[in-house]
């Protein structure tokens, strides 16, 4: 592969797409590593959803300058940030965007200052930066980038050294934080950053090798085998403060006495706040005096931790997904479905669905159908089941997967999504199916379908292939679609459906 000597807006958008893919792929491993600052098992979910927000925003403007793409990604990450790690990651993106402001592209010599600015900005969001976390790993990456800039002009070669340095820093995190050493794990946020950086190499140099060279797996019960007290400052409170004139430092000064793990990221007129507190109503009142509170989320971390300590049979709720193929079955389970039904040639009956509902460990079961007939059968099954069943009104598998992406990591600790929440999530995805028909070109049919979905304006296009398709042909078609639709990011997965060659999903 040719050397890459400049990073522009398109390249940065591709970086976010690759990194987000790895965070999705390994988010459960990251959840299992999560013991700091609170052992609530959601770091992987939080990093993934934060990166995903940045990726979608960048994809919409990927044909613009690096400065413009980085700014859009940073703003979206700030709005979509989840948890402690997500807010820190959003602040890193903000620092990077500030460093490349006004630049169409940068060379490797300018990468280190941009990464260092990202680290510096993440530290400013923290009241007391702690070594042995994602910030330490990012600092090691920035340091190595500075060393590489003196002799390496190829971003991929520099990237290989940066990933090695970040991974070495990650290995040292248990020596820096006693809670990690006691649990026998590395820092979850730092591991997420290593995965994100590594994905850039896997998608660029070796697009077929989409697995990590640095597997991080924890014994699922070991990190939570000892009761840890989360009874003080147990409510993880997050919100966006808009229409505000107060600076981040001044708001931190107002809030610091009311909790811990405080982060205030961004700058007026919009700040992202994260705090662990016993008085979320007081925090809201103080912040609300300086602007408008939006996207408020309050989680009981003691409850989340207790669920993680409990037997595996304890779940807040379960997902049952009805899918049209073996590939979709694997994807659904990776994304959090506890049970699945792979629909064959015959219709799925209400009786089959009831049996699988009974197999689920949760007292509340969310059923995700993939077509209209399955929806009717699921509604009939819900009426005859002894459990509390919520049937999402999904009539295509891509919408069902979108719900799992958003909620699949919460089945152990909640909260339980409402039917309205499920419908809003599904509505963000536009879908189509493409089947063989006479002499029609699949490539052209896919392109036409993508345009009808709005992909020509930019966003994320996902191809789920089945029928007679093979991955080599999918790669060729994906490349042709990139040439026809230069504003869209494209990814593909094996779905295994027999009734069509492709299921197409588009998100903006």
Protein backbone atom coordinates (compact mmCIF):
# COMPACT_ATOMS: atom_id res chain seq x y z
CA UNK A 1 0.00 0.00 0.00
CA UNK A 2 1.21 3.49 -0.81
CA UNK A 3 2.42 5.68 2.03
CA UNK A 4 -0.06 8.20 3.43
CA UNK A 5 1.69 11.51 4.02
CA UNK A 6 -1.26 13.80 4.70
CA UNK A 7 -4.37 13.57 6.87
CA UNK A 8 -7.33 15.44 5.42
CA UNK A 9 -11.03 15.59 6.25
CA UNK A 10 -11.84 12.37 4.40
CA UNK A 11 -9.00 10.57 6.12
CA UNK A 12 -10.12 11.74 9.55
CA UNK A 13 -13.66 10.58 8.83
CA UNK A 14 -12.31 7.15 7.90
CA UNK A 15 -10.32 7.06 11.14
CA UNK A 16 -13.50 7.65 13.14
CA UNK A 17 -15.33 4.94 11.19
CA UNK A 18 -12.59 2.37 11.80
CA UNK A 19 -12.17 3.27 15.47
CA UNK A 20 -15.91 3.14 16.10
CA UNK A 21 -16.09 -0.31 14.49
CA UNK A 22 -13.50 -1.70 16.92
CA UNK A 23 -15.20 -0.07 19.91
CA UNK A 24 -18.44 -1.73 18.85
CA UNK A 25 -16.70 -5.06 18.31
CA UNK A 26 -14.93 -5.06 21.69
CA UNK A 27 -17.26 -3.02 23.86
CA UNK A 28 -18.30 -5.99 26.00
CA UNK A 29 -14.65 -6.80 26.73
CA UNK A 30 -14.19 -3.17 27.77
CA UNK A 31 -17.29 -3.33 29.98
CA UNK A 32 -15.78 -6.34 31.75
CA UNK A 33 -12.55 -4.41 32.46
CA UNK A 34 -14.42 -1.46 33.99
CA UNK A 35 -13.61 -1.02 37.69
CA UNK A 36 -12.49 2.64 37.79
CA UNK A 37 -13.66 5.21 38.76
CA UNK A 38 -16.81 3.18 39.55
CA UNK A 39 -17.30 -0.55 38.82
CA UNK A 40 -20.54 -0.12 36.87
CA UNK A 41 -19.53 -2.07 33.76
CA UNK A 42 -20.38 0.45 31.04
CA UNK A 43 -17.10 1.93 29.75
CA UNK A 44 -17.29 0.02 26.47
CA UNK A 45 -20.85 1.16 25.83
CA UNK A 46 -20.02 4.76 26.69
CA UNK A 47 -16.93 4.98 24.49
CA UNK A 48 -18.68 3.31 21.58
CA UNK A 49 -21.76 5.54 21.65
CA UNK A 50 -19.62 8.68 22.00
CA UNK A 51 -17.41 7.68 19.07
CA UNK A 52 -20.44 6.72 17.02
CA UNK A 53 -21.92 10.19 17.43
CA UNK A 54 -18.64 11.71 16.22
CA UNK A 55 -18.40 9.26 13.31
CA UNK A 56 -21.88 10.03 11.98
CA UNK A 57 -21.28 13.78 12.17
CA UNK A 58 -17.93 13.48 10.40
CA UNK A 59 -19.42 11.30 7.68
CA UNK A 60 -21.90 14.04 6.78
CA UNK A 61 -19.12 16.54 6.00
CA UNK A 62 -16.28 14.19 5.04
CA UNK A 63 -15.58 16.00 1.75
CA UNK A 64 -14.66 19.20 3.57
CA UNK A 65 -11.35 20.27 5.17
CA UNK A 66 -9.78 18.50 8.13
CA UNK A 67 -10.61 21.52 10.25
CA UNK A 68 -14.32 21.38 9.39
CA UNK A 69 -14.63 17.60 9.81
CA UNK A 70 -12.80 17.61 13.15
CA UNK A 71 -14.97 20.47 14.44
CA UNK A 72 -18.22 18.69 13.52
CA UNK A 73 -17.00 15.44 15.08
CA UNK A 74 -15.97 17.18 18.30
CA UNK A 75 -19.30 18.99 18.64
CA UNK A 76 -21.28 15.79 18.04
CA UNK A 77 -19.13 13.86 20.52
CA UNK A 78 -19.74 16.51 23.16
CA UNK A 79 -23.50 16.27 22.64
CA UNK A 80 -23.49 12.48 22.52
CA UNK A 81 -20.88 11.79 25.22
CA UNK A 82 -21.73 9.01 27.66
CA UNK A 83 -20.13 8.44 31.05
CA UNK A 84 -16.77 9.48 32.43
CA UNK A 85 -14.76 7.93 29.59
CA UNK A 86 -17.06 9.32 26.90
CA UNK A 87 -16.75 12.90 28.18
CA UNK A 88 -12.95 12.58 28.29
CA UNK A 89 -12.92 11.18 24.74
CA UNK A 90 -15.15 14.03 23.56
CA UNK A 91 -12.80 16.55 25.14
CA UNK A 92 -9.87 14.89 23.36
CA UNK A 93 -11.64 15.32 20.04
CA UNK A 94 -12.28 18.94 20.94
CA UNK A 95 -8.58 19.48 21.63
CA UNK A 96 -7.63 17.85 18.33
CA UNK A 97 -10.13 20.06 16.50
CA UNK A 98 -8.65 23.16 18.10
CA UNK A 99 -5.14 22.10 17.08
CA UNK A 100 -6.07 21.67 13.39
CA UNK A 101 -8.30 24.76 13.18
CA UNK A 102 -7.97 26.38 9.77
CA UNK A 103 -6.02 23.45 8.30
CA UNK A 104 -7.05 21.58 5.17
CA UNK A 105 -4.71 18.73 6.09
CA UNK A 106 -1.73 17.95 8.30
CA UNK A 107 1.51 15.99 7.99
CA UNK A 108 3.00 13.62 10.57
CA UNK A 109 5.12 16.50 11.91
CA UNK A 110 1.88 18.21 12.97
CA UNK A 111 0.26 15.11 14.45
CA UNK A 112 2.10 15.19 17.78
CA UNK A 113 1.06 18.76 18.67
CA UNK A 114 -2.53 17.89 17.78
CA UNK A 115 -2.48 14.78 19.96
CA UNK A 116 -0.82 16.68 22.79
CA UNK A 117 -3.53 19.34 22.57
CA UNK A 118 -6.10 16.54 22.83
CA UNK A 119 -4.41 15.26 26.01
CA UNK A 120 -4.15 18.75 27.50
CA UNK A 121 -7.83 19.47 26.85
CA UNK A 122 -8.87 16.18 28.45
CA UNK A 123 -6.91 17.12 31.57
CA UNK A 124 -8.65 20.49 31.79
CA UNK A 125 -12.04 18.77 31.98
CA UNK A 126 -10.93 16.86 35.09
CA UNK A 127 -10.79 18.34 38.56
CA UNK A 128 -7.97 15.97 39.54
CA UNK A 129 -6.36 14.07 36.64
CA UNK A 130 -5.41 10.51 37.64
CA UNK A 131 -2.51 8.57 36.18
CA UNK A 132 -3.22 5.03 35.00
CA UNK A 133 -6.25 5.97 32.91
CA UNK A 134 -7.15 6.80 29.32
CA UNK A 135 -5.34 10.13 29.75
CA UNK A 136 -2.05 8.37 30.55
CA UNK A 137 -2.43 6.14 27.49
CA UNK A 138 -3.20 9.13 25.27
CA UNK A 139 -0.16 10.98 26.63
CA UNK A 140 2.07 8.04 25.68
CA UNK A 141 0.60 8.06 22.17
CA UNK A 142 1.30 11.80 21.82
CA UNK A 143 4.86 11.35 23.06
CA UNK A 144 5.54 8.58 20.54
CA UNK A 145 3.98 10.69 17.76
CA UNK A 146 6.49 13.43 18.56
CA UNK A 147 9.37 10.93 18.35
CA UNK A 148 8.12 9.51 15.03
CA UNK A 149 7.68 12.94 13.48
CA UNK A 150 11.44 13.40 13.39
CA UNK A 151 12.01 10.55 10.95
CA UNK A 152 8.69 9.13 9.68
CA UNK A 153 6.48 10.86 7.11
CA UNK A 154 4.05 7.94 6.57
CA UNK A 155 1.04 8.07 8.89
CA UNK A 156 0.64 4.30 8.91
CA UNK A 157 4.23 3.62 9.93
CA UNK A 158 3.99 6.27 12.59
CA UNK A 159 0.67 4.78 13.65
CA UNK A 160 2.22 1.36 14.25
CA UNK A 161 4.72 2.88 16.68
CA UNK A 162 2.02 4.98 18.34
CA UNK A 163 -0.19 1.94 18.96
CA UNK A 164 2.73 0.00 20.46
CA UNK A 165 3.51 2.91 22.78
CA UNK A 166 -0.13 3.26 23.80
CA UNK A 167 -0.38 -0.45 24.51
CA UNK A 168 2.78 -0.35 26.63
CA UNK A 169 1.29 2.51 28.63
CA UNK A 170 -1.88 0.49 29.05
CA UNK A 171 0.15 -2.43 30.45
CA UNK A 172 1.49 -0.07 33.13
CA UNK A 173 -1.92 1.13 34.34
CA UNK A 174 -2.26 -1.56 37.07
CA UNK A 175 1.02 -0.29 38.55
CA UNK A 176 -0.44 3.22 38.67
CA UNK A 177 -3.89 2.44 40.09
CA UNK A 178 -4.29 0.04 43.01
CA UNK A 179 -7.93 -0.74 42.16
CA UNK A 180 -6.84 -2.09 38.76
CA UNK A 181 -4.07 -4.16 40.30
CA UNK A 182 -6.46 -5.66 42.87
CA UNK A 183 -8.98 -6.56 40.17
CA UNK A 184 -6.31 -7.94 37.84
CA UNK A 185 -7.27 -5.74 34.89
CA UNK A 186 -5.92 -2.83 32.85
CA UNK A 187 -7.82 0.44 32.62
CA UNK A 188 -10.96 0.04 30.51
CA UNK A 189 -10.86 3.55 29.04
CA UNK A 190 -7.20 3.19 28.11
CA UNK A 191 -7.93 -0.17 26.48
CA UNK A 192 -10.68 1.49 24.46
CA UNK A 193 -8.22 4.07 23.18
CA UNK A 194 -5.76 1.35 22.17
CA UNK A 195 -8.51 -0.45 20.25
CA UNK A 196 -9.53 2.80 18.57
CA UNK A 197 -5.98 3.57 17.44
CA UNK A 198 -5.30 -0.01 16.37
CA UNK A 199 -8.42 -0.09 14.20
CA UNK A 200 -6.92 2.62 11.98
CA UNK A 201 -4.11 0.25 11.07
CA UNK A 202 -6.36 -2.78 10.64
CA UNK A 203 -8.69 -0.99 8.22
CA UNK A 204 -5.94 0.79 6.32
CA UNK A 205 -3.07 -1.61 5.83
CA UNK A 206 -4.91 -4.91 6.24
CA UNK A 207 -8.65 -4.44 5.72
CA UNK A 208 -9.33 -8.17 6.10
CA UNK A 209 -7.60 -8.42 9.50
CA UNK A 210 -10.34 -6.76 11.51
CA UNK A 211 -9.36 -8.29 14.84
CA UNK A 212 -7.16 -6.89 17.56
CA UNK A 213 -3.57 -7.94 18.15
CA UNK A 214 -4.00 -6.92 21.80
CA UNK A 215 -6.91 -8.97 23.19
CA UNK A 216 -8.10 -7.73 26.58
CA UNK A 217 -10.44 -10.10 28.33
CA UNK A 218 -11.26 -10.21 32.02
CA UNK A 219 -12.75 -13.00 34.04
CA UNK A 220 -16.35 -11.75 33.98
CA UNK A 221 -16.88 -12.23 37.71
CA UNK A 222 -13.39 -11.41 39.00
CA UNK A 223 -13.44 -7.61 38.77
CA UNK A 224 -16.73 -7.55 40.67
CA UNK A 225 -16.09 -10.44 43.04
CA UNK A 226 -15.61 -8.10 46.00
CA UNK A 227 -18.37 -5.74 47.10
CA UNK A 228 -17.33 -2.14 46.47
CA UNK A 229 -19.15 0.67 48.19
CA UNK A 230 -20.91 3.01 45.79
CA UNK A 231 -23.33 4.24 48.43
CA UNK A 232 -21.72 7.70 48.55
CA UNK A 233 -22.22 9.91 45.51
CA UNK A 234 -24.00 7.03 43.85
CA UNK A 235 -25.98 8.88 41.18
CA UNK A 236 -24.12 9.32 37.88
CA UNK A 237 -25.62 12.57 36.64
CA UNK A 238 -25.01 13.82 33.11
CA UNK A 239 -26.43 16.65 31.05
CA UNK A 240 -25.66 19.29 28.44
CA UNK A 241 -25.88 22.92 29.55
CA UNK A 242 -26.83 25.11 26.59
CA UNK A 243 -27.33 28.85 26.13
CA UNK A 244 -24.79 29.49 28.86
CA UNK A 245 -22.18 32.18 29.35
CA UNK A 246 -20.42 30.57 32.31
CA UNK A 247 -16.95 29.14 31.73
CA UNK A 248 -16.11 25.49 32.39
CA UNK A 249 -13.79 26.28 35.30
CA UNK A 250 -16.35 28.51 37.01
CA UNK A 251 -19.04 25.84 36.69
CA UNK A 252 -16.64 23.25 38.14
CA UNK A 253 -16.04 25.58 41.09
CA UNK A 254 -19.81 25.77 41.70
CA UNK A 255 -20.32 21.99 41.50
CA UNK A 256 -17.21 20.48 43.08
CA UNK A 257 -18.61 20.50 46.61
CA UNK A 258 -21.60 18.37 45.57
CA UNK A 259 -19.92 15.18 44.35
CA UNK A 260 -16.89 13.57 42.75
CA UNK A 261 -15.72 12.34 39.31
CA UNK A 262 -16.67 15.79 38.07
CA UNK A 263 -15.99 16.67 34.45
CA UNK A 264 -17.04 19.83 32.68
CA UNK A 265 -16.15 19.78 28.98
CA UNK A 266 -16.70 22.23 26.14
CA UNK A 267 -16.98 25.99 26.18
CA UNK A 268 -19.81 28.53 26.21
CA UNK A 269 -22.49 28.48 24.92
CA UNK A 270 -22.51 24.67 25.44
CA UNK A 271 -20.96 22.57 28.21
CA UNK A 272 -21.15 18.85 28.92
CA UNK A 273 -21.34 17.98 32.63
CA UNK A 274 -20.66 14.62 34.29
CA UNK A 275 -20.70 14.18 38.08
CA UNK A 276 -21.25 11.45 40.66
CA UNK A 277 -23.46 12.93 43.37
CA UNK A 278 -26.01 12.20 46.07
CA UNK A 279 -27.94 15.38 45.24
CA UNK A 280 -28.63 15.43 41.48
CA UNK A 281 -31.47 17.90 42.03
CA UNK A 282 -29.03 20.38 43.62
CA UNK A 283 -26.57 19.97 40.75
CA UNK A 284 -29.37 20.60 38.27
CA UNK A 285 -30.51 23.69 40.16
CA UNK A 286 -27.01 25.20 40.27
CA UNK A 287 -26.28 24.53 36.60
CA UNK A 288 -29.79 25.51 35.52
CA UNK A 289 -29.23 29.00 36.93
CA UNK A 290 -26.59 29.50 34.24
CA UNK A 291 -28.36 28.07 31.18
CA UNK A 292 -30.73 25.40 29.89
CA UNK A 293 -30.32 21.76 30.91
CA UNK A 294 -30.73 19.24 28.10
CA UNK A 295 -30.13 15.50 27.66
CA UNK A 296 -30.33 14.81 31.39
CA UNK A 297 -29.46 11.25 32.49
CA UNK A 298 -29.28 9.98 36.08
CA UNK A 299 -28.13 6.40 36.85
CA UNK A 300 -28.00 4.68 40.24
CA UNK A 301 -24.47 3.24 40.21
CA UNK A 302 -24.93 1.21 43.40
CA UNK A 303 -27.78 -0.61 41.69
CA UNK A 304 -25.67 -1.14 38.56
CA UNK A 305 -22.81 -2.52 40.62
CA UNK A 306 -25.10 -4.80 42.65
CA UNK A 307 -26.47 -6.27 39.43
CA UNK A 308 -22.93 -6.98 38.22
CA UNK A 309 -22.17 -8.70 41.54
CA UNK A 310 -25.29 -10.82 41.40
CA UNK A 311 -25.60 -14.18 39.73
CA UNK A 312 -25.64 -14.18 35.95
CA UNK A 313 -29.33 -15.08 36.08
CA UNK A 314 -30.14 -11.56 37.32
CA UNK A 315 -30.92 -9.15 34.53
CA UNK A 316 -32.80 -5.88 34.35
CA UNK A 317 -34.36 -7.08 31.09
CA UNK A 318 -33.67 -9.34 28.12
CA UNK A 319 -33.68 -8.90 24.35
CA UNK A 320 -35.16 -11.56 22.07
CA UNK A 321 -34.34 -10.86 18.42
CA UNK A 322 -35.97 -12.55 15.42
CA UNK A 323 -33.48 -12.46 12.55
CA UNK A 324 -33.42 -13.73 8.95
CA UNK A 325 -29.99 -15.35 8.82
CA UNK A 326 -26.96 -16.80 10.63
CA UNK A 327 -24.89 -13.64 10.25
CA UNK A 328 -27.64 -11.52 11.76
CA UNK A 329 -27.90 -14.06 14.56
CA UNK A 330 -24.23 -13.55 15.45
CA UNK A 331 -24.51 -9.76 15.18
CA UNK A 332 -27.60 -9.64 17.38
CA UNK A 333 -25.94 -11.73 20.09
CA UNK A 334 -22.75 -9.63 19.95
CA UNK A 335 -24.87 -6.51 20.40
CA UNK A 336 -26.71 -7.83 23.45
CA UNK A 337 -29.56 -10.14 22.41
CA UNK A 338 -29.88 -12.90 25.01
CA UNK A 339 -31.96 -15.18 22.80
CA UNK A 340 -32.59 -15.24 19.06
CA UNK A 341 -34.84 -16.98 16.58
CA UNK A 342 -33.40 -17.50 13.12
CA UNK A 343 -36.37 -17.38 10.77
CA UNK A 344 -36.32 -20.11 8.16
CA UNK A 345 -38.56 -20.78 5.19
CA UNK A 346 -41.63 -21.14 7.43
CA UNK A 347 -43.26 -18.34 9.35
CA UNK A 348 -42.25 -17.85 12.97
CA UNK A 349 -45.23 -18.69 15.17
CA UNK A 350 -46.43 -17.09 18.38
CA UNK A 351 -45.77 -20.40 20.15
CA UNK A 352 -42.11 -20.38 19.14
CA UNK A 353 -41.76 -16.82 20.39
CA UNK A 354 -43.41 -17.66 23.73
CA UNK A 355 -40.95 -20.54 24.23
CA UNK A 356 -37.99 -18.24 23.64
CA UNK A 357 -39.47 -15.55 25.90
CA UNK A 358 -39.64 -18.15 28.67
CA UNK A 359 -35.97 -19.00 28.10
CA UNK A 360 -34.91 -15.40 28.72
CA UNK A 361 -33.52 -14.67 32.19
CA UNK A 362 -35.12 -11.25 32.58
CA UNK A 363 -38.62 -10.76 33.95
CA UNK A 364 -39.02 -8.09 31.27
CA UNK A 365 -38.38 -9.20 27.68
CA UNK A 366 -38.06 -6.87 24.69
CA UNK A 367 -38.90 -8.66 21.42
CA UNK A 368 -37.42 -7.36 18.18
CA UNK A 369 -39.24 -8.66 15.05
CA UNK A 370 -37.76 -8.31 11.56
CA UNK A 371 -40.88 -8.22 9.39
CA UNK A 372 -44.60 -7.50 9.63
CA UNK A 373 -45.63 -11.15 10.05
CA UNK A 374 -43.18 -11.61 12.90
CA UNK A 375 -44.49 -8.42 14.50
CA UNK A 376 -48.04 -9.81 14.55
CA UNK A 377 -46.82 -13.14 15.94
CA UNK A 378 -44.79 -11.36 18.63
CA UNK A 379 -47.79 -9.28 19.67
CA UNK A 380 -49.86 -12.46 20.00
CA UNK A 381 -47.06 -14.08 22.00
CA UNK A 382 -46.87 -11.09 24.35
CA UNK A 383 -50.58 -11.43 25.13
CA UNK A 384 -50.17 -15.06 26.21
CA UNK A 385 -46.82 -14.85 28.03
CA UNK A 386 -46.57 -14.72 31.80
CA UNK A 387 -43.74 -12.19 31.59
CA UNK A 388 -43.84 -8.48 30.94
CA UNK A 389 -43.16 -8.33 27.19
CA UNK A 390 -42.42 -5.20 25.17
CA UNK A 391 -42.73 -5.73 21.42
CA UNK A 392 -40.82 -3.21 19.34
CA UNK A 393 -42.72 -2.29 16.18
CA UNK A 394 -39.74 -3.12 13.96
CA UNK A 395 -40.45 -4.62 10.55
CA UNK A 396 -36.87 -4.90 9.29
CA UNK A 397 -33.74 -6.41 10.80
CA UNK A 398 -31.59 -3.28 10.44
CA UNK A 399 -33.93 -1.32 12.72
CA UNK A 400 -33.83 -4.16 15.24
CA UNK A 401 -30.02 -4.05 15.23
CA UNK A 402 -30.11 -0.26 15.70
CA UNK A 403 -32.10 -0.80 18.90
CA UNK A 404 -29.52 -3.32 20.10
CA UNK A 405 -26.69 -0.91 19.32
CA UNK A 406 -28.33 1.72 21.54
CA UNK A 407 -29.59 -0.52 24.36
CA UNK A 408 -27.93 -3.93 24.18
CA UNK A 409 -25.26 -3.06 26.71
CA UNK A 410 -27.81 -2.14 29.38
CA UNK A 411 -29.59 -5.45 29.89
CA UNK A 412 -27.80 -6.22 33.14
CA UNK A 413 -28.24 -2.85 34.85
CA UNK A 414 -31.03 -1.02 33.01
CA UNK A 415 -32.82 1.25 32.59
CA UNK A 416 -35.53 -0.65 30.71
CA UNK A 417 -36.31 1.16 27.44
CA UNK A 418 -39.89 2.22 26.80
CA UNK A 419 -41.74 1.42 23.59
CA UNK A 420 -41.47 5.10 22.67
CA UNK A 421 -37.67 4.99 23.15
CA UNK A 422 -37.43 1.89 20.96
CA UNK A 423 -39.50 3.46 18.20
CA UNK A 424 -37.46 6.66 18.23
CA UNK A 425 -34.23 4.68 17.90
CA UNK A 426 -35.58 2.55 15.05
CA UNK A 427 -36.85 5.64 13.22
CA UNK A 428 -33.30 6.97 12.85
CA UNK A 429 -32.51 4.16 10.39
CA UNK A 430 -33.75 4.06 6.79
CA UNK A 431 -33.69 0.64 5.20
CA UNK A 432 -34.12 -1.17 1.90
CA UNK A 433 -33.68 -4.68 0.51
CA UNK A 434 -32.12 -5.55 -2.83
CA UNK A 435 -32.79 -8.90 -4.54
CA UNK A 436 -31.73 -10.38 -7.87
CA UNK A 437 -34.16 -9.53 -10.66
CA UNK A 438 -33.46 -10.62 -14.22
CA UNK A 439 -30.45 -8.93 -15.79
CA UNK A 440 -30.46 -5.97 -13.41
CA UNK A 441 -27.08 -4.96 -12.03
CA UNK A 442 -26.81 -5.41 -8.27
CA UNK A 443 -24.26 -2.62 -8.14
CA UNK A 444 -26.62 -0.20 -9.83
CA UNK A 445 -29.61 -1.39 -7.80
CA UNK A 446 -27.70 -0.89 -4.57
CA UNK A 447 -26.59 2.56 -5.65
CA UNK A 448 -30.14 3.55 -6.60
CA UNK A 449 -31.45 2.22 -3.28
CA UNK A 450 -28.78 4.15 -1.39
CA UNK A 451 -29.70 7.38 -3.18
CA UNK A 452 -33.38 6.85 -2.36
CA UNK A 453 -32.41 6.48 1.29
CA UNK A 454 -30.52 9.78 1.14
CA UNK A 455 -26.95 8.46 1.16
CA UNK A 456 -25.83 10.90 -1.54
CA UNK A 457 -25.93 13.66 1.08
CA UNK A 458 -23.52 11.89 3.45
CA UNK A 459 -23.85 9.56 6.42
CA UNK A 460 -23.24 5.89 7.19
CA UNK A 461 -24.35 3.17 4.77
CA UNK A 462 -24.28 -0.43 6.02
CA UNK A 463 -24.60 -3.40 3.67
CA UNK A 464 -25.71 -6.75 5.12
CA UNK A 465 -25.08 -9.38 2.48
CA UNK A 466 -26.71 -12.75 2.02
CA UNK A 467 -28.27 -14.73 -0.83
CA UNK A 468 -25.56 -15.73 -3.29
CA UNK A 469 -23.16 -12.94 -2.36
CA UNK A 470 -19.55 -13.46 -1.24
CA UNK A 471 -17.30 -10.99 0.55
CA UNK A 472 -14.99 -10.42 -2.42
CA UNK A 473 -17.95 -9.27 -4.52
CA UNK A 474 -19.19 -7.13 -1.64
CA UNK A 475 -15.82 -5.38 -1.42
CA UNK A 476 -15.93 -4.64 -5.16
CA UNK A 477 -19.46 -3.26 -4.96
CA UNK A 478 -18.62 -1.19 -1.88
CA UNK A 479 -15.71 0.41 -3.74
CA UNK A 480 -17.98 1.21 -6.69
CA UNK A 481 -20.53 2.76 -4.31
CA UNK A 482 -17.81 4.94 -2.77
CA UNK A 483 -17.02 6.29 -6.22
CA UNK A 484 -20.69 6.99 -6.94
CA UNK A 485 -21.47 8.33 -3.45
CA UNK A 486 -18.27 10.06 -2.27
CA UNK A 487 -19.92 11.66 0.79
CA UNK A 488 -20.99 8.41 2.47
CA UNK A 489 -19.09 6.04 4.76
CA UNK A 490 -19.68 2.38 3.87
CA UNK A 491 -19.33 -0.74 6.03
CA UNK A 492 -20.55 -4.28 5.44
CA UNK A 493 -21.38 -7.39 7.45
CA UNK A 494 -22.49 -10.92 6.64
CA UNK A 495 -26.22 -11.24 7.27
CA UNK A 496 -26.90 -14.65 5.78
CA UNK A 497 -30.48 -13.89 4.73
CA UNK A 498 -31.87 -16.11 1.97
CA UNK A 499 -34.66 -13.87 0.72
CA UNK A 500 -32.47 -11.05 -0.63
CA UNK A 501 -28.94 -10.35 -1.69
CA UNK A 502 -28.62 -7.24 0.49
CA UNK A 503 -30.28 -5.46 3.38
CA UNK A 504 -29.24 -1.83 3.23
CA UNK A 505 -29.32 0.55 6.22
CA UNK A 506 -28.58 4.28 6.20
CA UNK A 507 -28.08 6.65 9.11
CA UNK A 508 -27.31 10.36 9.15
